[in-house]
Amino acid sequence: MRNRRKNPNLGRIIIKKTEPADNSGGYYQFCKVQFKDGGSSYAYLTGGLPLAVGDFVVVPVGNRNAEKTGRVTDVFVCSAQDAPYPPEKAKFVLRKSEKTAFPEKKTTPSSKQRPKKLRLRCRPYQ
């Protein structure tokens, strides 16, 4: 058994942010990801994954990098100057998802669509 004093990183997980291997000439492959139908799309580096429009992917979201599934709406190559987001700050697509569609929304009728309750007015019998 190794002593932790000799190797302080023993047992720790070290995560390094890597650049895609095919970044020759300063070009980057980005994709736009949408998280719901009709929602905004956000730019992510593909990291060399072979992605196509319509693929579902898992990407990190927010400060805590929570994994979220979204649909690819665009795939493009650009230089660092033309990138939609600075490449050194951009996040990478983690992997392709098994999902093939967004979940169906549960529709509840709004108050305007609900059928009106019948009001029975009682009249005194004559």
N, C-alpha and C. Protein backbone atom coordinates (compact mmCIF):
# COMPACT_ATOMS: atom_id res chain seq x y z
N MET A 1 0.83 -1.18 0.00
CA MET A 1 0.00 0.00 0.00
C MET A 1 0.88 1.24 0.00
N ARG A 2 0.55 2.18 -0.89
CA ARG A 2 1.37 3.37 -1.00
C ARG A 2 1.00 4.38 0.07
N ASN A 3 1.95 5.13 0.43
CA ASN A 3 1.76 6.17 1.43
C ASN A 3 1.28 7.45 0.74
N ARG A 4 0.23 8.09 1.24
CA ARG A 4 -0.31 9.32 0.64
C ARG A 4 0.69 10.46 0.71
N ARG A 5 1.60 10.43 1.65
CA ARG A 5 2.57 11.51 1.74
C ARG A 5 3.54 11.49 0.56
N LYS A 6 3.85 10.31 0.05
CA LYS A 6 4.74 10.22 -1.10
C LYS A 6 4.04 10.68 -2.37
N ASN A 7 2.74 10.40 -2.50
CA ASN A 7 1.99 10.77 -3.68
C ASN A 7 0.65 11.41 -3.25
N PRO A 8 0.60 12.74 -3.13
CA PRO A 8 -0.61 13.39 -2.63
C PRO A 8 -1.80 13.25 -3.59
N ASN A 9 -1.57 12.95 -4.85
CA ASN A 9 -2.66 12.81 -5.81
C ASN A 9 -3.23 11.40 -5.88
N LEU A 10 -2.72 10.51 -5.07
CA LEU A 10 -3.19 9.13 -5.07
C LEU A 10 -4.66 9.08 -4.65
N GLY A 11 -5.48 8.46 -5.47
CA GLY A 11 -6.89 8.32 -5.17
C GLY A 11 -7.74 9.49 -5.62
N ARG A 12 -7.14 10.54 -6.15
CA ARG A 12 -7.90 11.68 -6.64
C ARG A 12 -8.16 11.53 -8.13
N ILE A 13 -9.29 12.05 -8.54
CA ILE A 13 -9.61 12.04 -9.95
C ILE A 13 -9.22 13.39 -10.53
N ILE A 14 -8.40 13.37 -11.54
CA ILE A 14 -7.95 14.60 -12.17
C ILE A 14 -8.64 14.70 -13.52
N ILE A 15 -9.37 15.80 -13.72
CA ILE A 15 -10.09 16.02 -14.97
C ILE A 15 -9.37 17.12 -15.73
N LYS A 16 -8.94 16.80 -16.94
CA LYS A 16 -8.27 17.78 -17.77
C LYS A 16 -9.17 18.11 -18.95
N LYS A 17 -9.25 19.40 -19.27
CA LYS A 17 -10.01 19.82 -20.45
C LYS A 17 -9.08 19.69 -21.64
N THR A 18 -9.46 18.88 -22.60
CA THR A 18 -8.60 18.66 -23.75
C THR A 18 -9.19 19.30 -24.99
N GLU A 19 -8.32 19.64 -25.91
CA GLU A 19 -8.73 20.19 -27.20
C GLU A 19 -8.97 19.02 -28.15
N PRO A 20 -9.85 19.18 -29.13
CA PRO A 20 -10.04 18.12 -30.10
C PRO A 20 -8.75 17.86 -30.87
N ALA A 21 -8.51 16.61 -31.21
CA ALA A 21 -7.27 16.23 -31.88
C ALA A 21 -7.17 16.82 -33.28
N ASP A 22 -8.30 17.07 -33.93
CA ASP A 22 -8.27 17.54 -35.31
C ASP A 22 -8.31 19.06 -35.39
N ASN A 23 -7.68 19.76 -34.46
CA ASN A 23 -7.68 21.22 -34.43
C ASN A 23 -6.47 21.78 -35.15
N SER A 24 -6.21 21.33 -36.36
CA SER A 24 -5.07 21.82 -37.13
C SER A 24 -5.45 23.13 -37.80
N GLY A 25 -4.57 24.12 -37.73
CA GLY A 25 -4.82 25.39 -38.39
C GLY A 25 -5.75 26.31 -37.62
N GLY A 26 -6.09 26.02 -36.39
CA GLY A 26 -6.93 26.91 -35.59
C GLY A 26 -8.40 26.87 -35.94
N TYR A 27 -8.88 25.78 -36.49
CA TYR A 27 -10.31 25.65 -36.80
C TYR A 27 -10.98 24.73 -35.78
N TYR A 28 -12.22 25.04 -35.47
CA TYR A 28 -12.97 24.31 -34.45
C TYR A 28 -14.29 23.83 -35.03
N GLN A 29 -14.72 22.63 -34.62
CA GLN A 29 -16.02 22.14 -35.04
C GLN A 29 -17.00 22.34 -33.88
N PHE A 30 -17.99 23.16 -34.12
CA PHE A 30 -19.03 23.45 -33.15
C PHE A 30 -20.32 22.79 -33.58
N CYS A 31 -21.22 22.63 -32.63
CA CYS A 31 -22.59 22.24 -32.95
C CYS A 31 -23.51 23.09 -32.09
N LYS A 32 -24.70 23.33 -32.59
CA LYS A 32 -25.72 24.05 -31.83
C LYS A 32 -26.65 23.01 -31.24
N VAL A 33 -26.95 23.13 -29.95
CA VAL A 33 -27.78 22.17 -29.23
C VAL A 33 -29.01 22.88 -28.68
N GLN A 34 -30.16 22.26 -28.89
CA GLN A 34 -31.45 22.78 -28.43
C GLN A 34 -32.00 21.82 -27.39
N PHE A 35 -32.50 22.35 -26.27
CA PHE A 35 -32.95 21.50 -25.17
C PHE A 35 -34.45 21.21 -25.17
N LYS A 36 -35.21 21.97 -25.94
CA LYS A 36 -36.64 21.68 -26.09
C LYS A 36 -37.09 22.22 -27.43
N ASP A 37 -38.19 21.69 -27.95
CA ASP A 37 -38.72 22.14 -29.22
C ASP A 37 -38.99 23.63 -29.17
N GLY A 38 -38.46 24.36 -30.14
CA GLY A 38 -38.70 25.78 -30.21
C GLY A 38 -37.86 26.60 -29.24
N GLY A 39 -36.99 25.96 -28.49
CA GLY A 39 -36.16 26.67 -27.51
C GLY A 39 -34.91 27.25 -28.14
N SER A 40 -34.15 28.00 -27.36
CA SER A 40 -32.90 28.58 -27.82
C SER A 40 -31.87 27.48 -28.05
N SER A 41 -30.90 27.74 -28.92
CA SER A 41 -29.83 26.76 -29.12
C SER A 41 -28.52 27.34 -28.60
N TYR A 42 -27.66 26.46 -28.11
CA TYR A 42 -26.40 26.83 -27.48
C TYR A 42 -25.25 26.12 -28.18
N ALA A 43 -24.09 26.79 -28.28
CA ALA A 43 -22.94 26.26 -29.00
C ALA A 43 -22.05 25.41 -28.10
N TYR A 44 -21.67 24.24 -28.61
CA TYR A 44 -20.75 23.33 -27.93
C TYR A 44 -19.72 22.84 -28.93
N LEU A 45 -18.49 22.59 -28.46
CA LEU A 45 -17.47 21.96 -29.29
C LEU A 45 -17.80 20.47 -29.42
N THR A 46 -17.62 19.91 -30.61
CA THR A 46 -17.97 18.51 -30.81
C THR A 46 -16.91 17.57 -30.26
N GLY A 47 -15.69 18.04 -30.11
CA GLY A 47 -14.63 17.17 -29.58
C GLY A 47 -14.29 16.03 -30.51
N GLY A 48 -14.56 16.18 -31.80
CA GLY A 48 -14.23 15.14 -32.77
C GLY A 48 -15.30 14.08 -32.94
N LEU A 49 -16.41 14.20 -32.23
CA LEU A 49 -17.50 13.22 -32.39
C LEU A 49 -18.18 13.43 -33.75
N PRO A 50 -18.52 12.35 -34.44
CA PRO A 50 -19.22 12.48 -35.72
C PRO A 50 -20.70 12.76 -35.49
N LEU A 51 -21.08 14.02 -35.50
CA LEU A 51 -22.46 14.41 -35.21
C LEU A 51 -23.15 14.89 -36.48
N ALA A 52 -24.46 14.70 -36.50
CA ALA A 52 -25.29 15.17 -37.62
C ALA A 52 -26.49 15.90 -37.03
N VAL A 53 -27.08 16.76 -37.84
CA VAL A 53 -28.28 17.47 -37.42
C VAL A 53 -29.37 16.45 -37.10
N GLY A 54 -30.01 16.61 -35.95
CA GLY A 54 -31.05 15.68 -35.51
C GLY A 54 -30.57 14.68 -34.47
N ASP A 55 -29.25 14.52 -34.31
CA ASP A 55 -28.72 13.62 -33.28
C ASP A 55 -29.04 14.19 -31.90
N PHE A 56 -29.25 13.31 -30.94
CA PHE A 56 -29.40 13.73 -29.55
C PHE A 56 -28.08 13.50 -28.84
N VAL A 57 -27.65 14.49 -28.04
CA VAL A 57 -26.36 14.44 -27.36
C VAL A 57 -26.53 14.79 -25.89
N VAL A 58 -25.54 14.41 -25.10
CA VAL A 58 -25.49 14.76 -23.68
C VAL A 58 -24.40 15.81 -23.53
N VAL A 59 -24.75 16.96 -22.91
CA VAL A 59 -23.82 18.06 -22.76
C VAL A 59 -23.83 18.57 -21.32
N PRO A 60 -22.73 19.20 -20.88
CA PRO A 60 -22.71 19.80 -19.54
C PRO A 60 -23.40 21.16 -19.57
N VAL A 61 -24.18 21.45 -18.52
CA VAL A 61 -24.94 22.70 -18.46
C VAL A 61 -24.71 23.38 -17.13
N GLY A 62 -24.52 24.68 -17.15
CA GLY A 62 -24.41 25.48 -15.93
C GLY A 62 -23.05 25.38 -15.25
N ASN A 63 -22.95 26.06 -14.11
CA ASN A 63 -21.70 26.09 -13.34
C ASN A 63 -21.31 24.73 -12.80
N ARG A 64 -22.30 23.91 -12.52
CA ARG A 64 -22.02 22.58 -11.95
C ARG A 64 -21.90 21.50 -13.01
N ASN A 65 -22.01 21.89 -14.26
CA ASN A 65 -21.89 20.96 -15.40
C ASN A 65 -22.85 19.78 -15.30
N ALA A 66 -24.08 20.06 -14.96
CA ALA A 66 -25.11 19.01 -14.91
C ALA A 66 -25.30 18.47 -16.32
N GLU A 67 -25.43 17.15 -16.44
CA GLU A 67 -25.60 16.53 -17.75
C GLU A 67 -27.05 16.68 -18.21
N LYS A 68 -27.22 17.19 -19.42
CA LYS A 68 -28.54 17.41 -19.97
C LYS A 68 -28.55 16.93 -21.41
N THR A 69 -29.70 16.41 -21.84
CA THR A 69 -29.84 15.90 -23.20
C THR A 69 -30.47 16.95 -24.09
N GLY A 70 -29.93 17.11 -25.29
CA GLY A 70 -30.46 18.06 -26.25
C GLY A 70 -30.30 17.53 -27.66
N ARG A 71 -30.91 18.24 -28.61
CA ARG A 71 -30.86 17.83 -30.02
C ARG A 71 -29.94 18.77 -30.79
N VAL A 72 -29.11 18.21 -31.67
CA VAL A 72 -28.21 18.98 -32.51
C VAL A 72 -29.02 19.64 -33.62
N THR A 73 -28.90 20.98 -33.74
CA THR A 73 -29.63 21.70 -34.78
C THR A 73 -28.72 22.18 -35.90
N ASP A 74 -27.40 22.20 -35.66
CA ASP A 74 -26.45 22.65 -36.67
C ASP A 74 -25.06 22.14 -36.31
N VAL A 75 -24.26 21.81 -37.32
CA VAL A 75 -22.87 21.41 -37.13
C VAL A 75 -22.05 22.22 -38.12
N PHE A 76 -20.99 22.89 -37.65
CA PHE A 76 -20.21 23.75 -38.54
C PHE A 76 -18.78 23.88 -38.04
N VAL A 77 -17.89 24.25 -38.95
CA VAL A 77 -16.48 24.47 -38.65
C VAL A 77 -16.21 25.95 -38.80
N CYS A 78 -15.47 26.51 -37.86
CA CYS A 78 -15.15 27.94 -37.94
C CYS A 78 -13.80 28.21 -37.29
N SER A 79 -13.26 29.39 -37.55
CA SER A 79 -12.01 29.80 -36.92
C SER A 79 -12.32 30.37 -35.54
N ALA A 80 -11.29 30.61 -34.77
CA ALA A 80 -11.48 31.15 -33.42
C ALA A 80 -12.13 32.54 -33.49
N GLN A 81 -11.83 33.32 -34.53
CA GLN A 81 -12.40 34.66 -34.66
C GLN A 81 -13.88 34.61 -35.02
N ASP A 82 -14.30 33.59 -35.76
CA ASP A 82 -15.70 33.47 -36.21
C ASP A 82 -16.55 32.59 -35.30
N ALA A 83 -15.97 32.06 -34.24
CA ALA A 83 -16.68 31.12 -33.37
C ALA A 83 -17.84 31.82 -32.64
N PRO A 84 -18.95 31.11 -32.42
CA PRO A 84 -20.09 31.71 -31.72
C PRO A 84 -19.81 31.94 -30.24
N TYR A 85 -18.78 31.28 -29.72
CA TYR A 85 -18.40 31.40 -28.32
C TYR A 85 -16.89 31.17 -28.27
N PRO A 86 -16.14 31.86 -27.41
CA PRO A 86 -14.68 31.66 -27.39
C PRO A 86 -14.32 30.19 -27.18
N PRO A 87 -13.56 29.58 -28.09
CA PRO A 87 -13.24 28.15 -27.99
C PRO A 87 -12.57 27.75 -26.68
N GLU A 88 -11.77 28.64 -26.11
CA GLU A 88 -11.08 28.29 -24.85
C GLU A 88 -12.04 28.25 -23.67
N LYS A 89 -13.23 28.85 -23.82
CA LYS A 89 -14.23 28.83 -22.75
C LYS A 89 -15.38 27.88 -23.05
N ALA A 90 -15.46 27.40 -24.28
CA ALA A 90 -16.59 26.55 -24.69
C ALA A 90 -16.52 25.17 -24.04
N LYS A 91 -17.68 24.57 -23.85
CA LYS A 91 -17.76 23.22 -23.29
C LYS A 91 -17.90 22.21 -24.44
N PHE A 92 -17.56 20.97 -24.14
CA PHE A 92 -17.57 19.90 -25.14
C PHE A 92 -18.81 19.02 -25.00
N VAL A 93 -19.28 18.50 -26.12
CA VAL A 93 -20.32 17.47 -26.11
C VAL A 93 -19.71 16.27 -25.41
N LEU A 94 -20.43 15.67 -24.47
CA LEU A 94 -19.90 14.53 -23.72
C LEU A 94 -20.02 13.22 -24.49
N ARG A 95 -21.20 13.00 -25.10
CA ARG A 95 -21.44 11.76 -25.84
C ARG A 95 -22.78 11.86 -26.57
N LYS A 96 -23.00 10.93 -27.47
CA LYS A 96 -24.29 10.82 -28.12
C LYS A 96 -25.28 10.20 -27.15
N SER A 97 -26.55 10.53 -27.31
CA SER A 97 -27.59 10.00 -26.44
C SER A 97 -28.38 8.93 -27.16
N GLU A 98 -29.00 8.05 -26.40
CA GLU A 98 -29.86 7.01 -26.96
C GLU A 98 -31.24 7.56 -27.31
N LYS A 99 -31.57 8.75 -26.81
CA LYS A 99 -32.87 9.36 -27.07
C LYS A 99 -33.04 9.64 -28.55
N THR A 100 -34.27 9.58 -29.01
CA THR A 100 -34.55 9.90 -30.40
C THR A 100 -35.62 10.97 -30.55
N ALA A 101 -36.17 11.47 -29.43
CA ALA A 101 -37.18 12.52 -29.49
C ALA A 101 -37.29 13.20 -28.13
N PHE A 102 -37.78 14.42 -28.14
CA PHE A 102 -38.06 15.11 -26.89
C PHE A 102 -39.28 14.45 -26.24
N PRO A 103 -39.34 14.44 -24.91
CA PRO A 103 -40.52 13.85 -24.25
C PRO A 103 -41.77 14.65 -24.58
N GLU A 104 -42.88 13.95 -24.67
CA GLU A 104 -44.15 14.61 -24.93
C GLU A 104 -44.54 15.47 -23.75
N LYS A 105 -45.07 16.65 -24.05
CA LYS A 105 -45.52 17.52 -22.97
C LYS A 105 -46.87 17.03 -22.48
N LYS A 106 -47.04 17.04 -21.18
CA LYS A 106 -48.33 16.70 -20.60
C LYS A 106 -49.20 17.94 -20.71
N THR A 107 -50.26 17.83 -21.45
CA THR A 107 -51.11 19.00 -21.63
C THR A 107 -52.27 18.95 -20.66
N THR A 108 -52.40 20.02 -19.93
CA THR A 108 -53.55 20.16 -19.04
C THR A 108 -54.38 21.30 -19.60
N PRO A 109 -55.64 21.11 -19.71
CA PRO A 109 -56.46 22.18 -20.29
C PRO A 109 -56.39 23.43 -19.42
N SER A 110 -56.21 24.55 -20.07
CA SER A 110 -56.16 25.80 -19.31
C SER A 110 -57.58 26.19 -18.92
N SER A 111 -57.67 27.22 -18.11
CA SER A 111 -58.99 27.62 -17.62
C SER A 111 -59.90 28.07 -18.76
N LYS A 112 -59.32 28.57 -19.86
CA LYS A 112 -60.12 29.00 -20.99
C LYS A 112 -60.68 27.80 -21.76
N GLN A 113 -59.98 26.68 -21.73
CA GLN A 113 -60.40 25.52 -22.50
C GLN A 113 -61.30 24.58 -21.72
N ARG A 114 -61.37 24.74 -20.43
CA ARG A 114 -62.20 23.84 -19.63
C ARG A 114 -63.67 24.08 -19.93
N PRO A 115 -64.44 23.02 -19.97
CA PRO A 115 -65.87 23.22 -20.22
C PRO A 115 -66.50 23.95 -19.03
N LYS A 116 -67.42 24.81 -19.37
CA LYS A 116 -68.09 25.57 -18.31
C LYS A 116 -69.03 24.66 -17.54
N LYS A 117 -69.07 24.92 -16.25
CA LYS A 117 -70.00 24.16 -15.42
C LYS A 117 -71.41 24.72 -15.64
N LEU A 118 -72.34 23.83 -15.71
CA LEU A 118 -73.72 24.26 -15.89
C LEU A 118 -74.26 24.78 -14.58
N ARG A 119 -74.89 25.92 -14.67
CA ARG A 119 -75.52 26.49 -13.47
C ARG A 119 -77.03 26.30 -13.62
N LEU A 120 -77.55 25.64 -12.69
CA LEU A 120 -79.02 25.45 -12.70
C LEU A 120 -79.63 26.45 -11.73
N ARG A 121 -80.49 27.25 -12.27
CA ARG A 121 -81.15 28.23 -11.42
C ARG A 121 -82.52 27.68 -11.06
N CYS A 122 -82.76 27.67 -9.85
CA CYS A 122 -84.04 27.17 -9.37
C CYS A 122 -85.03 28.33 -9.23
N ARG A 123 -86.14 28.14 -9.83
CA ARG A 123 -87.19 29.15 -9.71
C ARG A 123 -88.26 28.60 -8.78
N PRO A 124 -88.84 29.46 -8.07
CA PRO A 124 -89.92 28.95 -7.21
C PRO A 124 -91.08 28.42 -8.05
N TYR A 125 -91.65 27.36 -7.61
CA TYR A 125 -92.75 26.72 -8.33
C TYR A 125 -93.99 27.58 -8.21
N GLN A 126 -94.64 27.81 -9.33
CA GLN A 126 -95.82 28.65 -9.30
C GLN A 126 -97.06 27.85 -9.58
